[in-house]
């Protein structure tokens, strides 16, 4: 049969990409050897490891063991070159640690972004509140604090995860107390705070909208386990719901997926939380669900493309609203190539479900878009080729292998320019 069947079985997710990279940056705050475990074997971890090496650290990365050892010297470099920052925007997370450790940080402005944009503007404003001078010089965001940073009240204009993380990492070694209002509340923020607390930082309120940081003179290196990846877990949860499958997703705290679980249940899936796991049993055909992305604990923008795919094959019609990133609807145009009935108007997408998609070549524009299009291929008649799966490798350890273990017929093929994922018949038979 051409097209995929229901996904069946068990999959384990490892540490969160969005946490591991920031924890690696946090290691810069303490001289000596810090160890991270449950680290995902993804391209971005290798990029961050190289960035830390160029700053003077000795980094040992054992991908098979999920272990990274970072030995931080007394004297650090302070320049994060564009070559690495353009490859991974999370490199901006070294800004706070370098500013407070070195009194100076030069971090390349990520490609396509400017100081006036919401993301970098919030990072800069937070450091300015702590006493740093911040400006852009020849494509680099330069923060200077030769006499150290001083705690202060900070109210973020938007609960940015990256800005919250940079402020936290700078404030832990600042003089006095910092109160961060309208802070991001994501589980990855809590994970960072837990590591910093183990290093000796004074932090209260992580996971709430107000975080209080009492600066200390020095921190110590630690060993820390990276929190489970809720976005990867959500990906496989949507895959089960989409295909009418039955998948146990292990390695994640189901409480971190509260609104996602609610949405999947609204779509007709049966979701059973367990300690560090959740089981998702999909319906014969899902019901369309309205989704609006918001900062945590709202629906995560990283899972919005998967909601689009689910609605594309659901009964009924639904509205998907993107409140976080204006360019996040690239997936919609590619889904239309697969026969989806989707209309985009600004930051809204109206989706009317069809019974099944029809195979076509498509291109993924980012990590989640590419992964979502792979799942779309599982519910499309014929063989779907997805280009741009090099993006997927930045967020998932071995996405194709995990899907094959659940019964999908997925192969990766090297192409001249971009790799491709090809989806054909699933070995589990027809859906339902």
Protein backbone atom coordinates (compact mmCIF):
# COMPACT_ATOMS: atom_id res chain seq x y z
CA UNK A 1 0.00 0.00 0.00
CA UNK A 2 1.25 3.45 -0.79
CA UNK A 3 1.13 5.80 2.20
CA UNK A 4 1.75 5.18 5.88
CA UNK A 5 -0.07 3.13 8.47
CA UNK A 6 -0.51 3.82 12.18
CA UNK A 7 2.64 4.31 14.23
CA UNK A 8 2.92 1.69 16.95
CA UNK A 9 5.44 1.15 19.71
CA UNK A 10 7.68 3.10 22.04
CA UNK A 11 10.08 5.99 21.54
CA UNK A 12 12.41 7.70 24.00
CA UNK A 13 13.36 11.35 23.80
CA UNK A 14 16.56 12.66 25.34
CA UNK A 15 17.54 16.04 26.72
CA UNK A 16 15.98 19.20 25.34
CA UNK A 17 17.92 21.02 22.64
CA UNK A 18 16.54 24.31 23.94
CA UNK A 19 17.96 23.56 27.39
CA UNK A 20 21.25 21.80 26.64
CA UNK A 21 22.67 24.68 24.62
CA UNK A 22 21.94 27.24 27.35
CA UNK A 23 23.34 24.95 30.05
CA UNK A 24 26.56 24.68 28.06
CA UNK A 25 26.73 28.48 28.04
CA UNK A 26 26.03 28.57 31.79
CA UNK A 27 29.11 26.42 32.40
CA UNK A 28 31.16 29.52 31.50
CA UNK A 29 30.17 31.04 34.84
CA UNK A 30 32.35 28.70 36.94
CA UNK A 31 36.04 27.94 36.62
CA UNK A 32 36.65 24.20 36.45
CA UNK A 33 34.99 21.12 34.98
CA UNK A 34 31.21 21.00 34.58
CA UNK A 35 29.48 17.90 33.23
CA UNK A 36 26.17 17.68 31.40
CA UNK A 37 24.40 14.36 30.87
CA UNK A 38 21.31 13.43 28.81
CA UNK A 39 22.62 15.76 26.10
CA UNK A 40 21.09 15.18 22.64
CA UNK A 41 23.41 14.11 19.84
CA UNK A 42 22.47 16.93 17.46
CA UNK A 43 24.40 19.31 15.25
CA UNK A 44 23.74 22.35 17.44
CA UNK A 45 25.49 20.77 20.43
CA UNK A 46 28.61 20.29 18.30
CA UNK A 47 28.42 23.92 17.18
CA UNK A 48 28.11 25.16 20.76
CA UNK A 49 31.01 22.92 21.81
CA UNK A 50 33.18 24.51 19.12
CA UNK A 51 32.12 28.00 20.22
CA UNK A 52 33.14 27.23 23.81
CA UNK A 53 36.50 25.86 22.60
CA UNK A 54 37.16 29.11 20.76
CA UNK A 55 36.45 30.98 23.98
CA UNK A 56 39.23 28.96 25.64
CA UNK A 57 37.38 25.99 27.15
CA UNK A 58 38.37 22.36 26.80
CA UNK A 59 35.25 20.48 25.68
CA UNK A 60 34.83 16.71 25.48
CA UNK A 61 31.65 15.59 23.73
CA UNK A 62 30.66 11.91 23.83
CA UNK A 63 27.56 11.75 21.60
CA UNK A 64 26.89 8.07 22.25
CA UNK A 65 26.85 8.57 26.01
CA UNK A 66 24.95 11.86 25.82
CA UNK A 67 27.69 13.50 27.86
CA UNK A 68 29.52 16.82 27.54
CA UNK A 69 32.42 17.81 29.79
CA UNK A 70 33.36 21.51 29.79
CA UNK A 71 36.58 22.62 31.48
CA UNK A 72 36.43 26.41 31.91
CA UNK A 73 39.66 28.38 32.38
CA UNK A 74 40.22 31.35 34.67
CA UNK A 75 40.68 33.64 31.67
CA UNK A 76 38.12 33.39 28.88
CA UNK A 77 37.99 34.82 25.41
CA UNK A 78 35.12 37.22 24.83
CA UNK A 79 34.38 37.07 21.09
CA UNK A 80 31.74 34.81 19.49
CA UNK A 81 32.41 34.91 15.76
CA UNK A 82 29.75 35.26 13.09
CA UNK A 83 30.87 32.00 11.48
CA UNK A 84 29.35 30.07 14.40
CA UNK A 85 26.58 32.44 15.46
CA UNK A 86 25.02 32.45 11.99
CA UNK A 87 24.86 28.64 12.15
CA UNK A 88 23.03 28.64 15.48
CA UNK A 89 21.15 31.57 16.95
CA UNK A 90 21.35 30.07 20.45
CA UNK A 91 24.98 31.25 20.45
CA UNK A 92 23.62 34.56 21.75
CA UNK A 93 23.26 32.81 25.13
CA UNK A 94 26.98 33.34 25.82
CA UNK A 95 26.36 37.11 25.97
CA UNK A 96 25.34 37.25 29.64
CA UNK A 97 28.00 34.85 30.98
CA UNK A 98 30.82 36.57 29.07
CA UNK A 99 29.73 40.05 30.11
CA UNK A 100 29.73 39.20 33.82
CA UNK A 101 32.84 36.95 33.71
CA UNK A 102 35.05 39.05 31.41
CA UNK A 103 33.57 42.51 31.67
CA UNK A 104 33.32 42.42 27.87
CA UNK A 105 31.43 40.35 25.30
CA UNK A 106 31.49 40.61 21.51
CA UNK A 107 28.80 38.38 20.05
CA UNK A 108 28.02 38.48 16.35
CA UNK A 109 24.53 39.65 15.49
CA UNK A 110 22.72 36.63 13.98
CA UNK A 111 22.10 36.90 10.25
CA UNK A 112 18.90 38.68 9.31
CA UNK A 113 18.47 40.14 12.78
CA UNK A 114 19.14 43.66 14.03
CA UNK A 115 19.40 45.33 17.42
CA UNK A 116 15.94 46.82 16.99
CA UNK A 117 14.32 43.41 16.70
CA UNK A 118 12.39 42.13 19.69
CA UNK A 119 14.82 39.33 20.52
CA UNK A 120 18.16 41.15 20.63
CA UNK A 121 16.66 44.37 21.93
CA UNK A 122 15.45 42.55 25.05
CA UNK A 123 18.86 40.96 25.63
CA UNK A 124 20.54 44.34 25.36
CA UNK A 125 17.97 46.13 27.53
CA UNK A 126 18.38 43.54 30.30
CA UNK A 127 22.15 43.94 30.41
CA UNK A 128 21.85 47.72 30.33
CA UNK A 129 19.59 47.54 33.37
CA UNK A 130 22.41 45.69 35.16
CA UNK A 131 24.86 48.48 34.33
CA UNK A 132 26.45 47.31 31.08
CA UNK A 133 26.88 49.51 28.05
CA UNK A 134 25.63 47.76 24.92
CA UNK A 135 25.98 48.74 21.28
CA UNK A 136 26.39 47.24 17.81
CA UNK A 137 29.81 47.60 16.20
CA UNK A 138 30.56 46.20 12.73
CA UNK A 139 28.00 43.42 13.04
CA UNK A 140 28.77 42.53 16.66
CA UNK A 141 26.65 43.12 19.73
CA UNK A 142 29.19 44.49 22.22
CA UNK A 143 28.45 44.55 25.96
CA UNK A 144 30.92 46.17 28.36
CA UNK A 145 30.95 46.13 32.16
CA UNK A 146 34.57 46.63 33.25
CA UNK A 147 33.55 47.29 36.86
CA UNK A 148 31.08 44.40 37.05
CA UNK A 149 27.30 44.32 36.97
CA UNK A 150 24.89 45.56 39.64
CA UNK A 151 21.54 43.98 40.47
CA UNK A 152 18.45 45.95 39.50
CA UNK A 153 14.72 45.59 38.86
CA UNK A 154 14.11 44.48 35.27
CA UNK A 155 10.74 44.25 33.55
CA UNK A 156 10.92 42.46 30.22
CA UNK A 157 8.66 43.92 27.55
CA UNK A 158 7.94 40.36 26.42
CA UNK A 159 8.58 37.05 28.24
CA UNK A 160 11.45 36.13 25.93
CA UNK A 161 13.13 32.83 26.81
CA UNK A 162 16.53 33.88 25.50
CA UNK A 163 16.49 37.28 27.20
CA UNK A 164 15.35 35.74 30.49
CA UNK A 165 18.22 33.24 30.30
CA UNK A 166 20.85 35.85 29.52
CA UNK A 167 19.66 38.12 32.34
CA UNK A 168 19.67 35.21 34.79
CA UNK A 169 23.17 34.15 33.85
CA UNK A 170 24.47 37.70 34.14
CA UNK A 171 22.64 38.47 37.40
CA UNK A 172 23.95 35.46 39.35
CA UNK A 173 27.41 37.08 39.55
CA UNK A 174 26.20 40.70 39.77
CA UNK A 175 26.45 42.72 42.98
CA UNK A 176 23.14 42.83 44.85
CA UNK A 177 19.65 41.64 43.98
CA UNK A 178 17.95 41.48 40.60
CA UNK A 179 14.18 41.13 40.24
CA UNK A 180 13.05 40.02 36.79
CA UNK A 181 9.37 40.68 36.07
CA UNK A 182 7.49 39.25 33.09
CA UNK A 183 10.10 36.50 32.94
CA UNK A 184 9.67 33.49 30.67
CA UNK A 185 8.25 30.46 32.49
CA UNK A 186 9.32 27.57 30.26
CA UNK A 187 10.60 24.29 31.77
CA UNK A 188 13.96 25.09 30.15
CA UNK A 189 14.17 28.24 32.32
CA UNK A 190 13.57 26.09 35.40
CA UNK A 191 16.24 23.65 34.22
CA UNK A 192 18.76 26.48 33.86
CA UNK A 193 17.86 27.81 37.29
CA UNK A 194 18.32 24.35 38.84
CA UNK A 195 21.81 24.09 37.40
CA UNK A 196 22.71 27.61 38.52
CA UNK A 197 21.39 26.88 42.02
CA UNK A 198 23.53 23.74 42.18
CA UNK A 199 26.48 25.94 41.19
CA UNK A 200 25.75 28.15 44.21
CA UNK A 201 23.53 30.85 42.72
CA UNK A 202 20.73 32.47 44.70
CA UNK A 203 17.60 32.16 42.55
CA UNK A 204 13.95 32.10 43.61
CA UNK A 205 10.79 31.97 41.54
CA UNK A 206 11.99 30.23 38.36
CA UNK A 207 8.92 28.93 36.55
CA UNK A 208 6.88 31.95 37.62
CA UNK A 209 6.68 35.37 35.99
CA UNK A 210 8.86 36.94 38.71
CA UNK A 211 12.38 35.66 39.39
CA UNK A 212 14.57 37.02 42.18
CA UNK A 213 18.33 36.62 41.86
CA UNK A 214 20.75 37.36 44.68
CA UNK A 215 24.23 37.77 43.28
CA UNK A 216 27.16 35.79 44.67
CA UNK A 217 30.92 36.28 44.37
CA UNK A 218 31.66 33.01 42.56
CA UNK A 219 30.07 29.80 41.35
CA UNK A 220 31.37 26.24 41.33
CA UNK A 221 31.28 23.65 38.51
CA UNK A 222 28.65 20.91 38.74
CA UNK A 223 27.20 17.85 37.04
CA UNK A 224 23.66 18.33 35.75
CA UNK A 225 21.11 16.24 33.84
CA UNK A 226 19.35 18.02 30.97
CA UNK A 227 15.54 18.10 31.21
CA UNK A 228 13.62 15.90 28.74
CA UNK A 229 12.72 17.42 25.39
CA UNK A 230 9.03 18.37 25.49
CA UNK A 231 9.06 19.52 21.85
CA UNK A 232 10.44 16.21 20.57
CA UNK A 233 7.93 14.41 22.80
CA UNK A 234 5.13 16.58 21.42
CA UNK A 235 6.26 15.74 17.90
CA UNK A 236 5.80 12.01 18.47
CA UNK A 237 2.54 12.61 20.31
CA UNK A 238 1.18 14.41 17.24
CA UNK A 239 2.55 11.63 15.03
CA UNK A 240 0.52 9.06 16.97
CA UNK A 241 -2.64 11.18 16.82
CA UNK A 242 -2.18 11.89 13.10
CA UNK A 243 -1.75 8.29 12.05
CA UNK A 244 -4.31 6.67 14.36
CA UNK A 245 -1.39 5.05 16.15
CA UNK A 246 -0.51 3.94 19.66
CA UNK A 247 2.81 5.34 20.87
CA UNK A 248 4.42 5.45 24.31
CA UNK A 249 6.72 8.49 24.53
CA UNK A 250 9.31 8.17 27.30
CA UNK A 251 11.85 10.59 28.73
CA UNK A 252 9.62 13.63 29.29
CA UNK A 253 7.61 15.09 32.15
CA UNK A 254 4.02 15.09 30.81
CA UNK A 255 3.25 18.14 32.97
CA UNK A 256 5.45 20.14 30.57
CA UNK A 257 2.94 19.38 27.79
CA UNK A 258 -0.27 20.36 29.57
CA UNK A 259 -1.97 22.41 26.86
CA UNK A 260 -0.64 20.07 24.15
CA UNK A 261 -2.24 17.11 25.91
CA UNK A 262 -5.50 19.05 26.15
CA UNK A 263 -5.35 19.83 22.42
CA UNK A 264 -4.70 16.22 21.45
CA UNK A 265 -7.61 15.07 23.59
CA UNK A 266 -9.82 17.65 21.87
CA UNK A 267 -8.73 16.09 18.58
CA UNK A 268 -10.03 12.73 19.78
CA UNK A 269 -6.80 11.12 20.96
CA UNK A 270 -6.54 9.22 24.23
CA UNK A 271 -3.58 10.55 26.20
CA UNK A 272 -2.43 8.77 29.35
CA UNK A 273 0.29 10.48 31.40
CA UNK A 274 2.74 8.29 33.30
CA UNK A 275 5.83 9.11 35.35
CA UNK A 276 8.33 10.54 32.82
CA UNK A 277 6.16 9.34 29.90
CA UNK A 278 2.87 9.65 28.09
CA UNK A 279 0.94 7.24 25.91
CA UNK A 280 -0.99 8.59 22.93
CA UNK A 281 -3.61 6.54 21.10
CA UNK A 282 -4.91 8.31 18.03
CA UNK A 283 -8.48 8.26 16.74
CA UNK A 284 -9.48 6.74 13.39
CA UNK A 285 -9.50 10.30 12.11
CA UNK A 286 -8.76 13.35 14.29
CA UNK A 287 -11.12 16.25 14.86
CA UNK A 288 -9.94 19.72 13.84
CA UNK A 289 -8.59 21.83 16.72
CA UNK A 290 -8.14 25.58 17.08
CA UNK A 291 -4.64 26.48 18.24
CA UNK A 292 -3.11 29.83 19.23
CA UNK A 293 0.58 29.94 20.11
CA UNK A 294 1.57 31.79 23.26
CA UNK A 295 4.48 31.86 25.72
CA UNK A 296 4.54 28.93 28.15
CA UNK A 297 2.26 27.58 29.53
CA UNK A 298 0.48 28.41 26.28
CA UNK A 299 0.68 26.30 23.14
CA UNK A 300 4.32 26.22 21.97
CA UNK A 301 5.16 27.84 18.66
CA UNK A 302 7.55 24.95 17.95
CA UNK A 303 4.58 22.57 17.78
CA UNK A 304 2.37 24.81 15.66
CA UNK A 305 3.44 23.18 12.34
CA UNK A 306 2.31 19.80 13.68
CA UNK A 307 -1.10 21.22 14.60
CA UNK A 308 -1.36 22.45 10.99
CA UNK A 309 -0.66 18.94 9.71
CA UNK A 310 -3.20 17.38 12.08
CA UNK A 311 -5.89 19.86 11.05
CA UNK A 312 -5.08 19.23 7.39
CA UNK A 313 -6.38 15.63 7.66
CA UNK A 314 -8.98 16.17 10.39
CA UNK A 315 -12.76 16.29 10.22
CA UNK A 316 -14.05 19.85 10.21
CA UNK A 317 -12.24 23.16 10.01
CA UNK A 318 -10.07 25.03 12.49
CA UNK A 319 -8.07 28.23 12.91
CA UNK A 320 -4.37 28.14 13.77
CA UNK A 321 -3.06 31.46 15.08
CA UNK A 322 0.65 32.24 15.30
CA UNK A 323 1.36 34.92 17.91
CA UNK A 324 5.11 34.38 18.32
CA UNK A 325 6.87 34.40 14.93
CA UNK A 326 5.44 35.99 11.81
CA UNK A 327 7.32 33.69 9.43
CA UNK A 328 6.13 30.44 10.99
CA UNK A 329 3.54 29.66 8.29
CA UNK A 330 5.98 28.47 5.62
CA UNK A 331 4.64 24.99 6.38
CA UNK A 332 1.19 25.99 5.15
CA UNK A 333 2.34 26.59 1.57
CA UNK A 334 4.09 23.22 1.46
CA UNK A 335 1.04 21.47 2.90
CA UNK A 336 -1.03 23.01 0.12
CA UNK A 337 1.29 21.23 -2.34
CA UNK A 338 0.26 17.99 -0.63
CA UNK A 339 -3.41 18.79 -1.21
CA UNK A 340 -4.23 20.46 2.12
CA UNK A 341 -6.98 23.08 2.13
CA UNK A 342 -5.23 25.86 4.04
CA UNK A 343 -5.57 29.63 3.69
CA UNK A 344 -3.21 32.04 5.44
CA UNK A 345 -4.24 35.58 6.35
CA UNK A 346 -1.62 37.41 8.37
CA UNK A 347 -0.96 35.43 11.53
CA UNK A 348 -4.01 33.20 11.05
CA UNK A 349 -4.35 30.00 9.03
CA UNK A 350 -7.77 28.55 8.28
CA UNK A 351 -7.53 24.81 7.68
CA UNK A 352 -10.34 22.63 6.31
CA UNK A 353 -9.52 18.98 6.72
CA UNK A 354 -9.33 16.53 3.83
CA UNK A 355 -9.49 12.78 4.26
CA UNK A 356 -5.97 12.19 3.02
CA UNK A 357 -3.10 14.17 1.53
CA UNK A 358 -1.49 13.44 -1.83
CA UNK A 359 2.26 12.95 -2.20
CA UNK A 360 4.44 15.67 -3.72
CA UNK A 361 7.98 17.04 -3.31
CA UNK A 362 8.10 19.59 -0.47
CA UNK A 363 10.77 21.64 1.30
CA UNK A 364 11.16 22.18 5.05
CA UNK A 365 12.35 25.69 5.96
CA UNK A 366 13.32 25.08 9.58
CA UNK A 367 13.65 22.30 12.17
CA UNK A 368 9.98 21.94 13.03
CA UNK A 369 8.62 22.68 9.56
CA UNK A 370 10.76 19.92 8.06
CA UNK A 371 9.77 17.42 10.78
CA UNK A 372 6.09 18.33 10.38
CA UNK A 373 6.27 17.74 6.62
CA UNK A 374 7.80 14.33 7.26
CA UNK A 375 4.73 13.50 9.39
CA UNK A 376 2.49 14.87 6.65
CA UNK A 377 4.07 12.32 4.32
CA UNK A 378 2.89 9.58 6.67
CA UNK A 379 -0.73 10.49 5.91
CA UNK A 380 -0.28 11.15 2.18
CA UNK A 381 -1.00 8.75 -0.68
CA UNK A 382 2.12 7.95 -2.65
CA UNK A 383 5.76 8.72 -1.97
CA UNK A 384 6.53 12.11 -0.46
CA UNK A 385 10.02 13.59 -0.71
CA UNK A 386 10.97 16.20 1.88
CA UNK A 387 14.02 18.33 1.17
CA UNK A 388 15.69 20.35 3.89
CA UNK A 389 15.91 17.58 6.46
CA UNK A 390 19.36 18.86 7.34
CA UNK A 391 17.28 21.17 9.55
CA UNK A 392 15.77 18.14 11.31
CA UNK A 393 19.21 16.97 12.39
CA UNK A 394 19.56 20.20 14.36
CA UNK A 395 16.64 19.30 16.62
CA UNK A 396 16.20 15.51 16.61
CA UNK A 397 18.79 12.83 17.30
CA UNK A 398 17.70 10.41 14.53
CA UNK A 399 14.17 11.25 13.51
CA UNK A 400 13.95 8.83 10.60
CA UNK A 401 15.24 5.89 12.67
CA UNK A 402 12.74 6.62 15.45
CA UNK A 403 9.89 6.71 12.94
CA UNK A 404 11.06 3.45 11.34
CA UNK A 405 11.09 1.82 14.79
CA UNK A 406 7.42 2.81 15.09
CA UNK A 407 6.58 1.23 11.76
CA UNK A 408 6.94 4.06 9.27
CA UNK A 409 8.53 3.46 5.87
CA UNK A 410 11.06 6.27 5.89
CA UNK A 411 14.46 6.43 4.27
CA UNK A 412 17.03 9.19 4.06
CA UNK A 413 18.82 9.70 0.79
CA UNK A 414 21.79 11.98 0.17
CA UNK A 415 21.12 14.61 -2.45
CA UNK A 416 23.52 16.90 -4.28
CA UNK A 417 22.48 19.95 -2.29
CA UNK A 418 20.10 18.91 0.48
CA UNK A 419 19.28 15.56 2.01
CA UNK A 420 15.78 14.24 1.47
CA UNK A 421 13.41 12.04 3.39
CA UNK A 422 11.32 9.71 1.30
CA UNK A 423 8.16 8.20 2.72
CA UNK A 424 6.40 5.23 1.21
CA UNK A 425 4.23 2.40 2.47
CA UNK A 426 4.01 1.87 6.21
CA UNK A 427 4.41 -1.75 7.25
CA UNK A 428 1.51 -1.62 9.71
CA UNK A 429 -1.17 -1.56 7.06
CA UNK A 430 -3.98 0.88 6.47
CA UNK A 431 -4.86 3.48 9.02
CA UNK A 432 -7.62 2.61 11.44
